[in-house]
């Protein structure tokens, strides 16, 4: 899975801490470091806000907090 973030964003920090504390592996993509990555995130999610999580099958969770992330992980039966 890919996690699109702005490194200073508090919701992004929370998402990373949530995933890390539970042992999830993901590719971290800083959308401010590369405009092409930011454009890709917008194309995938239809919006400009971070964090945005994208699964290998293309399922997208845009602009979320820890509660939404927990529900998404449970709904899609994701395991670390």
PDB file of N, CA and C in Angstrom:
ATOM      1  N   UNK A   1       0.828  -1.165   0.000  1.00  0.00           N
ATOM      2  CA  UNK A   1       0.000   0.000   0.000  1.00  0.00           C
ATOM      3  C   UNK A   1       0.879   1.237   0.000  1.00  0.00           C
ATOM      4  N   UNK A   2       0.300   2.345  -0.479  1.00  0.00           N
ATOM      5  CA  UNK A   2       1.015   3.610  -0.557  1.00  0.00           C
ATOM      6  C   UNK A   2       0.310   4.627   0.326  1.00  0.00           C
ATOM      7  N   UNK A   3       1.103   5.382   1.065  1.00  0.00           N
ATOM      8  CA  UNK A   3       0.579   6.438   1.917  1.00  0.00           C
ATOM      9  C   UNK A   3       1.139   7.762   1.416  1.00  0.00           C
ATOM     10  N   UNK A   4       0.247   8.582   0.863  1.00  0.00           N
ATOM     11  CA  UNK A   4       0.620   9.902   0.369  1.00  0.00           C
ATOM     12  C   UNK A   4       0.464  10.894   1.510  1.00  0.00           C
ATOM     13  N   UNK A   5       1.517  11.669   1.780  1.00  0.00           N
ATOM     14  CA  UNK A   5       1.515  12.588   2.922  1.00  0.00           C
ATOM     15  C   UNK A   5       2.184  13.912   2.569  1.00  0.00           C
ATOM     16  N   UNK A   6       1.928  14.870   3.441  1.00  0.00           N
ATOM     17  CA  UNK A   6       2.744  16.075   3.581  1.00  0.00           C
ATOM     18  C   UNK A   6       3.385  15.882   4.950  1.00  0.00           C
ATOM     19  N   UNK A   7       4.696  15.850   5.027  1.00  0.00           N
ATOM     20  CA  UNK A   7       5.372  15.411   6.245  1.00  0.00           C
ATOM     21  C   UNK A   7       5.040  16.245   7.477  1.00  0.00           C
ATOM     22  N   UNK A   8       4.663  17.494   7.318  1.00  0.00           N
ATOM     23  CA  UNK A   8       4.337  18.374   8.439  1.00  0.00           C
ATOM     24  C   UNK A   8       2.876  18.246   8.884  1.00  0.00           C
ATOM     25  N   UNK A   9       2.050  17.593   8.094  1.00  0.00           N
ATOM     26  CA  UNK A   9       0.608  17.491   8.339  1.00  0.00           C
ATOM     27  C   UNK A   9       0.325  16.622   9.570  1.00  0.00           C
ATOM     28  N   UNK A  10      -0.387  17.157  10.579  1.00  0.00           N
ATOM     29  CA  UNK A  10      -0.636  16.372  11.796  1.00  0.00           C
ATOM     30  C   UNK A  10      -1.447  15.101  11.553  1.00  0.00           C
ATOM     31  N   UNK A  11      -2.363  15.123  10.597  1.00  0.00           N
ATOM     32  CA  UNK A  11      -3.153  13.925  10.288  1.00  0.00           C
ATOM     33  C   UNK A  11      -2.258  12.869   9.631  1.00  0.00           C
ATOM     34  N   UNK A  12      -1.285  13.331   8.851  1.00  0.00           N
ATOM     35  CA  UNK A  12      -0.340  12.407   8.215  1.00  0.00           C
ATOM     36  C   UNK A  12       0.559  11.752   9.264  1.00  0.00           C
ATOM     37  N   UNK A  13       1.016  12.549  10.216  1.00  0.00           N
ATOM     38  CA  UNK A  13       1.836  12.010  11.300  1.00  0.00           C
ATOM     39  C   UNK A  13       1.035  10.969  12.074  1.00  0.00           C
ATOM     40  N   UNK A  14      -0.215  11.260  12.367  1.00  0.00           N
ATOM     41  CA  UNK A  14      -1.081  10.306  13.081  1.00  0.00           C
ATOM     42  C   UNK A  14      -1.268   9.019  12.290  1.00  0.00           C
ATOM     43  N   UNK A  15      -1.455   9.146  10.989  1.00  0.00           N
ATOM     44  CA  UNK A  15      -1.629   7.962  10.146  1.00  0.00           C
ATOM     45  C   UNK A  15      -0.375   7.096  10.166  1.00  0.00           C
ATOM     46  N   UNK A  16       0.776   7.727  10.036  1.00  0.00           N
ATOM     47  CA  UNK A  16       2.035   6.979  10.064  1.00  0.00           C
ATOM     48  C   UNK A  16       2.228   6.302  11.411  1.00  0.00           C
ATOM     49  N   UNK A  17       1.971   7.011  12.498  1.00  0.00           N
ATOM     50  CA  UNK A  17       2.116   6.425  13.831  1.00  0.00           C
ATOM     51  C   UNK A  17       1.165   5.253  14.024  1.00  0.00           C
ATOM     52  N   UNK A  18      -0.071   5.382  13.544  1.00  0.00           N
ATOM     53  CA  UNK A  18      -1.069   4.321  13.674  1.00  0.00           C
ATOM     54  C   UNK A  18      -0.591   3.076  12.926  1.00  0.00           C
ATOM     55  N   UNK A  19      -0.187   3.266  11.678  1.00  0.00           N
ATOM     56  CA  UNK A  19       0.268   2.126  10.862  1.00  0.00           C
ATOM     57  C   UNK A  19       1.541   1.508  11.438  1.00  0.00           C
ATOM     58  N   UNK A  20       2.497   2.340  11.812  1.00  0.00           N
ATOM     59  CA  UNK A  20       3.767   1.853  12.340  1.00  0.00           C
ATOM     60  C   UNK A  20       3.581   1.077  13.647  1.00  0.00           C
ATOM     61  N   UNK A  21       2.731   1.587  14.530  1.00  0.00           N
ATOM     62  CA  UNK A  21       2.547   0.943  15.830  1.00  0.00           C
ATOM     63  C   UNK A  21       1.893  -0.434  15.706  1.00  0.00           C
ATOM     64  N   UNK A  22       1.267  -0.678  14.580  1.00  0.00           N
ATOM     65  CA  UNK A  22       0.598  -1.964  14.355  1.00  0.00           C
ATOM     66  C   UNK A  22       1.363  -2.863  13.382  1.00  0.00           C
ATOM     67  N   UNK A  23       2.508  -2.394  12.929  1.00  0.00           N
ATOM     68  CA  UNK A  23       3.380  -3.211  12.089  1.00  0.00           C
ATOM     69  C   UNK A  23       3.038  -3.236  10.611  1.00  0.00           C
ATOM     70  N   UNK A  24       2.252  -2.297  10.137  1.00  0.00           N
ATOM     71  CA  UNK A  24       1.916  -2.267   8.713  1.00  0.00           C
ATOM     72  C   UNK A  24       3.087  -1.741   7.904  1.00  0.00           C
ATOM     73  N   UNK A  25       3.280  -2.336   6.735  1.00  0.00           N
ATOM     74  CA  UNK A  25       4.308  -1.897   5.799  1.00  0.00           C
ATOM     75  C   UNK A  25       3.623  -1.101   4.699  1.00  0.00           C
ATOM     76  N   UNK A  26       4.243  -0.005   4.312  1.00  0.00           N
ATOM     77  CA  UNK A  26       3.672   0.851   3.283  1.00  0.00           C
ATOM     78  C   UNK A  26       4.778   1.659   2.637  1.00  0.00           C
ATOM     79  N   UNK A  27       4.491   2.142   1.460  1.00  0.00           N
ATOM     80  CA  UNK A  27       5.417   3.037   0.777  1.00  0.00           C
ATOM     81  C   UNK A  27       4.995   4.464   1.122  1.00  0.00           C
ATOM     82  N   UNK A  28       5.885   5.221   1.717  1.00  0.00           N
ATOM     83  CA  UNK A  28       5.605   6.598   2.101  1.00  0.00           C
ATOM     84  C   UNK A  28       5.954   7.518   0.934  1.00  0.00           C
ATOM     85  N   UNK A  29       4.988   8.335   0.539  1.00  0.00           N
ATOM     86  CA  UNK A  29       5.204   9.242  -0.582  1.00  0.00           C
ATOM     87  C   UNK A  29       4.917  10.675  -0.111  1.00  0.00           C
ATOM     88  N   UNK A  30       5.957  11.489  -0.079  1.00  0.00           N
ATOM     89  CA  UNK A  30       5.845  12.899   0.308  1.00  0.00           C
ATOM     90  C   UNK A  30       5.451  13.689  -0.941  1.00  0.00           C
ATOM     91  N   UNK A  31       4.197  14.121  -0.999  1.00  0.00           N
ATOM     92  CA  UNK A  31       3.693  14.788  -2.201  1.00  0.00           C
ATOM     93  C   UNK A  31       4.292  16.175  -2.405  1.00  0.00           C
ATOM     94  N   UNK A  32       4.919  16.735  -1.365  1.00  0.00           N
ATOM     95  CA  UNK A  32       5.561  18.038  -1.535  1.00  0.00           C
ATOM     96  C   UNK A  32       6.980  17.905  -2.090  1.00  0.00           C
ATOM     97  N   UNK A  33       7.531  16.716  -2.049  1.00  0.00           N
ATOM     98  CA  UNK A  33       8.877  16.491  -2.565  1.00  0.00           C
ATOM     99  C   UNK A  33       8.889  16.267  -4.073  1.00  0.00           C
ATOM    100  N   UNK A  34       7.720  15.881  -4.618  1.00  0.00           N
ATOM    101  CA  UNK A  34       7.664  15.558  -6.039  1.00  0.00           C
ATOM    102  C   UNK A  34       6.278  15.897  -6.575  1.00  0.00           C
ATOM    103  N   UNK A  35       6.200  16.870  -7.450  1.00  0.00           N
ATOM    104  CA  UNK A  35       4.913  17.330  -7.993  1.00  0.00           C
ATOM    105  C   UNK A  35       4.190  16.201  -8.729  1.00  0.00           C
ATOM    106  N   UNK A  36       4.926  15.326  -9.386  1.00  0.00           N
ATOM    107  CA  UNK A  36       4.298  14.212 -10.099  1.00  0.00           C
ATOM    108  C   UNK A  36       3.560  13.294  -9.131  1.00  0.00           C
ATOM    109  N   UNK A  37       4.130  13.067  -7.941  1.00  0.00           N
ATOM    110  CA  UNK A  37       3.455  12.249  -6.930  1.00  0.00           C
ATOM    111  C   UNK A  37       2.182  12.930  -6.447  1.00  0.00           C
ATOM    112  N   UNK A  38       2.229  14.233  -6.281  1.00  0.00           N
ATOM    113  CA  UNK A  38       1.047  14.994  -5.863  1.00  0.00           C
ATOM    114  C   UNK A  38      -0.044  14.889  -6.927  1.00  0.00           C
ATOM    115  N   UNK A  39       0.336  15.043  -8.182  1.00  0.00           N
ATOM    116  CA  UNK A  39      -0.624  14.917  -9.282  1.00  0.00           C
ATOM    117  C   UNK A  39      -1.218  13.509  -9.343  1.00  0.00           C
ATOM    118  N   UNK A  40      -0.392  12.494  -9.103  1.00  0.00           N
ATOM    119  CA  UNK A  40      -0.878  11.111  -9.086  1.00  0.00           C
ATOM    120  C   UNK A  40      -1.890  10.919  -7.970  1.00  0.00           C
ATOM    121  N   UNK A  41      -1.592  11.451  -6.775  1.00  0.00           N
ATOM    122  CA  UNK A  41      -2.523  11.339  -5.653  1.00  0.00           C
ATOM    123  C   UNK A  41      -3.861  11.992  -5.988  1.00  0.00           C
ATOM    124  N   UNK A  42      -3.817  13.166  -6.592  1.00  0.00           N
ATOM    125  CA  UNK A  42      -5.049  13.860  -6.968  1.00  0.00           C
ATOM    126  C   UNK A  42      -5.836  13.031  -7.972  1.00  0.00           C
ATOM    127  N   UNK A  43      -5.151  12.459  -8.943  1.00  0.00           N
ATOM    128  CA  UNK A  43      -5.813  11.632  -9.958  1.00  0.00           C
ATOM    129  C   UNK A  43      -6.459  10.401  -9.316  1.00  0.00           C
ATOM    130  N   UNK A  44      -5.762   9.767  -8.389  1.00  0.00           N
ATOM    131  CA  UNK A  44      -6.275   8.561  -7.746  1.00  0.00           C
ATOM    132  C   UNK A  44      -7.435   8.841  -6.791  1.00  0.00           C
ATOM    133  N   UNK A  45      -7.336   9.956  -6.063  1.00  0.00           N
ATOM    134  CA  UNK A  45      -8.302  10.218  -4.989  1.00  0.00           C
ATOM    135  C   UNK A  45      -9.376  11.241  -5.339  1.00  0.00           C
ATOM    136  N   UNK A  46      -9.127  12.036  -6.366  1.00  0.00           N
ATOM    137  CA  UNK A  46     -10.088  13.059  -6.744  1.00  0.00           C
ATOM    138  C   UNK A  46     -10.072  14.267  -5.822  1.00  0.00           C
ATOM    139  N   UNK A  47      -9.036  14.399  -5.001  1.00  0.00           N
ATOM    140  CA  UNK A  47      -8.938  15.535  -4.083  1.00  0.00           C
ATOM    141  C   UNK A  47      -7.463  15.832  -3.780  1.00  0.00           C
ATOM    142  N   UNK A  48      -7.231  16.939  -3.042  1.00  0.00           N
ATOM    143  CA  UNK A  48      -5.866  17.412  -2.809  1.00  0.00           C
ATOM    144  C   UNK A  48      -5.394  17.254  -1.378  1.00  0.00           C
ATOM    145  N   UNK A  49      -6.191  16.650  -0.518  1.00  0.00           N
ATOM    146  CA  UNK A  49      -5.853  16.578   0.899  1.00  0.00           C
ATOM    147  C   UNK A  49      -5.101  15.291   1.245  1.00  0.00           C
ATOM    148  N   UNK A  50      -4.266  15.408   2.265  1.00  0.00           N
ATOM    149  CA  UNK A  50      -3.528  14.261   2.780  1.00  0.00           C
ATOM    150  C   UNK A  50      -3.924  14.054   4.234  1.00  0.00           C
ATOM    151  N   UNK A  51      -3.737  12.855   4.755  1.00  0.00           N
ATOM    152  CA  UNK A  51      -3.153  11.686   4.110  1.00  0.00           C
ATOM    153  C   UNK A  51      -4.133  11.022   3.152  1.00  0.00           C
ATOM    154  N   UNK A  52      -3.576  10.294   2.216  1.00  0.00           N
ATOM    155  CA  UNK A  52      -4.339   9.469   1.295  1.00  0.00           C
ATOM    156  C   UNK A  52      -3.666   8.108   1.239  1.00  0.00           C
ATOM    157  N   UNK A  53      -4.447   7.069   1.460  1.00  0.00           N
ATOM    158  CA  UNK A  53      -3.941   5.698   1.440  1.00  0.00           C
ATOM    159  C   UNK A  53      -4.480   5.004   0.199  1.00  0.00           C
ATOM    160  N   UNK A  54      -3.596   4.332  -0.536  1.00  0.00           N
ATOM    161  CA  UNK A  54      -3.997   3.622  -1.748  1.00  0.00           C
ATOM    162  C   UNK A  54      -3.520   2.177  -1.637  1.00  0.00           C
ATOM    163  N   UNK A  55      -4.466   1.258  -1.775  1.00  0.00           N
ATOM    164  CA  UNK A  55      -4.140  -0.167  -1.742  1.00  0.00           C
ATOM    165  C   UNK A  55      -3.673  -0.627  -3.116  1.00  0.00           C
ATOM    166  N   UNK A  56      -3.041  -1.786  -3.166  1.00  0.00           N
ATOM    167  CA  UNK A  56      -2.516  -2.332  -4.414  1.00  0.00           C
ATOM    168  C   UNK A  56      -3.611  -2.514  -5.462  1.00  0.00           C
ATOM    169  N   UNK A  57      -4.848  -2.772  -5.007  1.00  0.00           N
ATOM    170  CA  UNK A  57      -5.943  -2.971  -5.959  1.00  0.00           C
ATOM    171  C   UNK A  57      -6.579  -1.655  -6.416  1.00  0.00           C
ATOM    172  N   UNK A  58      -6.030  -0.525  -5.958  1.00  0.00           N
ATOM    173  CA  UNK A  58      -6.532   0.777  -6.362  1.00  0.00           C
ATOM    174  C   UNK A  58      -7.572   1.381  -5.437  1.00  0.00           C
ATOM    175  N   UNK A  59      -7.951   0.676  -4.382  1.00  0.00           N
ATOM    176  CA  UNK A  59      -8.897   1.211  -3.412  1.00  0.00           C
ATOM    177  C   UNK A  59      -8.236   2.376  -2.684  1.00  0.00           C
ATOM    178  N   UNK A  60      -8.985   3.474  -2.526  1.00  0.00           N
ATOM    179  CA  UNK A  60      -8.431   4.711  -1.979  1.00  0.00           C
ATOM    180  C   UNK A  60      -9.191   5.145  -0.729  1.00  0.00           C
ATOM    181  N   UNK A  61      -8.433   5.540   0.286  1.00  0.00           N
ATOM    182  CA  UNK A  61      -8.978   6.198   1.474  1.00  0.00           C
ATOM    183  C   UNK A  61      -8.364   7.596   1.513  1.00  0.00           C
ATOM    184  N   UNK A  62      -9.145   8.621   1.098  1.00  0.00           N
ATOM    185  CA  UNK A  62      -8.593   9.972   1.084  1.00  0.00           C
ATOM    186  C   UNK A  62      -8.914  10.749   2.351  1.00  0.00           C
ATOM    187  N   UNK A  63      -8.010  11.659   2.723  1.00  0.00           N
ATOM    188  CA  UNK A  63      -8.265  12.653   3.763  1.00  0.00           C
ATOM    189  C   UNK A  63      -8.932  12.038   4.994  1.00  0.00           C
ATOM    190  N   UNK A  64      -8.170  11.281   5.771  1.00  0.00           N
ATOM    191  CA  UNK A  64      -8.743  10.513   6.870  1.00  0.00           C
ATOM    192  C   UNK A  64      -8.043  10.767   8.194  1.00  0.00           C
ATOM    193  N   UNK A  65      -8.721  10.387   9.262  1.00  0.00           N
ATOM    194  CA  UNK A  65      -8.162  10.403  10.605  1.00  0.00           C
ATOM    195  C   UNK A  65      -8.016   8.979  11.108  1.00  0.00           C
ATOM    196  N   UNK A  66      -7.512   8.798  12.325  1.00  0.00           N
ATOM    197  CA  UNK A  66      -7.262   7.457  12.862  1.00  0.00           C
ATOM    198  C   UNK A  66      -8.511   6.569  12.920  1.00  0.00           C
ATOM    199  N   UNK A  67      -9.657   7.113  13.283  1.00  0.00           N
ATOM    200  CA  UNK A  67     -10.872   6.294  13.353  1.00  0.00           C
ATOM    201  C   UNK A  67     -11.278   5.777  11.983  1.00  0.00           C
ATOM    202  N   UNK A  68     -11.183   6.634  10.977  1.00  0.00           N
ATOM    203  CA  UNK A  68     -11.509   6.219   9.607  1.00  0.00           C
ATOM    204  C   UNK A  68     -10.495   5.194   9.101  1.00  0.00           C
ATOM    205  N   UNK A  69      -9.237   5.363   9.466  1.00  0.00           N
ATOM    206  CA  UNK A  69      -8.210   4.403   9.070  1.00  0.00           C
ATOM    207  C   UNK A  69      -8.481   3.039   9.699  1.00  0.00           C
ATOM    208  N   UNK A  70      -8.814   3.018  10.972  1.00  0.00           N
ATOM    209  CA  UNK A  70      -9.107   1.751  11.649  1.00  0.00           C
ATOM    210  C   UNK A  70     -10.289   1.044  10.996  1.00  0.00           C
ATOM    211  N   UNK A  71     -11.329   1.786  10.666  1.00  0.00           N
ATOM    212  CA  UNK A  71     -12.507   1.200  10.025  1.00  0.00           C
ATOM    213  C   UNK A  71     -12.164   0.676   8.629  1.00  0.00           C
ATOM    214  N   UNK A  72     -11.349   1.413   7.898  1.00  0.00           N
ATOM    215  CA  UNK A  72     -10.940   1.013   6.547  1.00  0.00           C
ATOM    216  C   UNK A  72     -10.129  -0.278   6.591  1.00  0.00           C
ATOM    217  N   UNK A  73      -9.191  -0.347   7.517  1.00  0.00           N
ATOM    218  CA  UNK A  73      -8.345  -1.542   7.668  1.00  0.00           C
ATOM    219  C   UNK A  73      -9.213  -2.764   8.019  1.00  0.00           C
ATOM    220  N   UNK A  74     -10.169  -2.569   8.913  1.00  0.00           N
ATOM    221  CA  UNK A  74     -11.062  -3.673   9.299  1.00  0.00           C
ATOM    222  C   UNK A  74     -11.946  -4.083   8.125  1.00  0.00           C
ATOM    223  N   UNK A  75     -12.515  -3.114   7.436  1.00  0.00           N
ATOM    224  CA  UNK A  75     -13.417  -3.393   6.313  1.00  0.00           C
ATOM    225  C   UNK A  75     -12.714  -4.187   5.203  1.00  0.00           C
ATOM    226  N   UNK A  76     -11.461  -3.857   4.955  1.00  0.00           N
ATOM    227  CA  UNK A  76     -10.717  -4.505   3.875  1.00  0.00           C
ATOM    228  C   UNK A  76      -9.846  -5.660   4.385  1.00  0.00           C
ATOM    229  N   UNK A  77     -10.011  -5.997   5.657  1.00  0.00           N
ATOM    230  CA  UNK A  77      -9.317  -7.144   6.253  1.00  0.00           C
ATOM    231  C   UNK A  77      -7.807  -7.085   5.999  1.00  0.00           C
ATOM    232  N   UNK A  78      -7.238  -5.910   6.208  1.00  0.00           N
ATOM    233  CA  UNK A  78      -5.797  -5.726   5.994  1.00  0.00           C
ATOM    234  C   UNK A  78      -5.023  -6.212   7.192  1.00  0.00           C
ATOM    235  N   UNK A  79      -3.967  -6.910   6.944  1.00  0.00           N
ATOM    236  CA  UNK A  79      -3.112  -7.437   8.016  1.00  0.00           C
ATOM    237  C   UNK A  79      -1.704  -6.872   7.863  1.00  0.00           C
ATOM    238  N   UNK A  80      -1.031  -6.673   8.988  1.00  0.00           N
ATOM    239  CA  UNK A  80       0.367  -6.191   8.905  1.00  0.00           C
ATOM    240  C   UNK A  80       1.278  -7.200   8.219  1.00  0.00           C
TER     241      UNK A  80
END
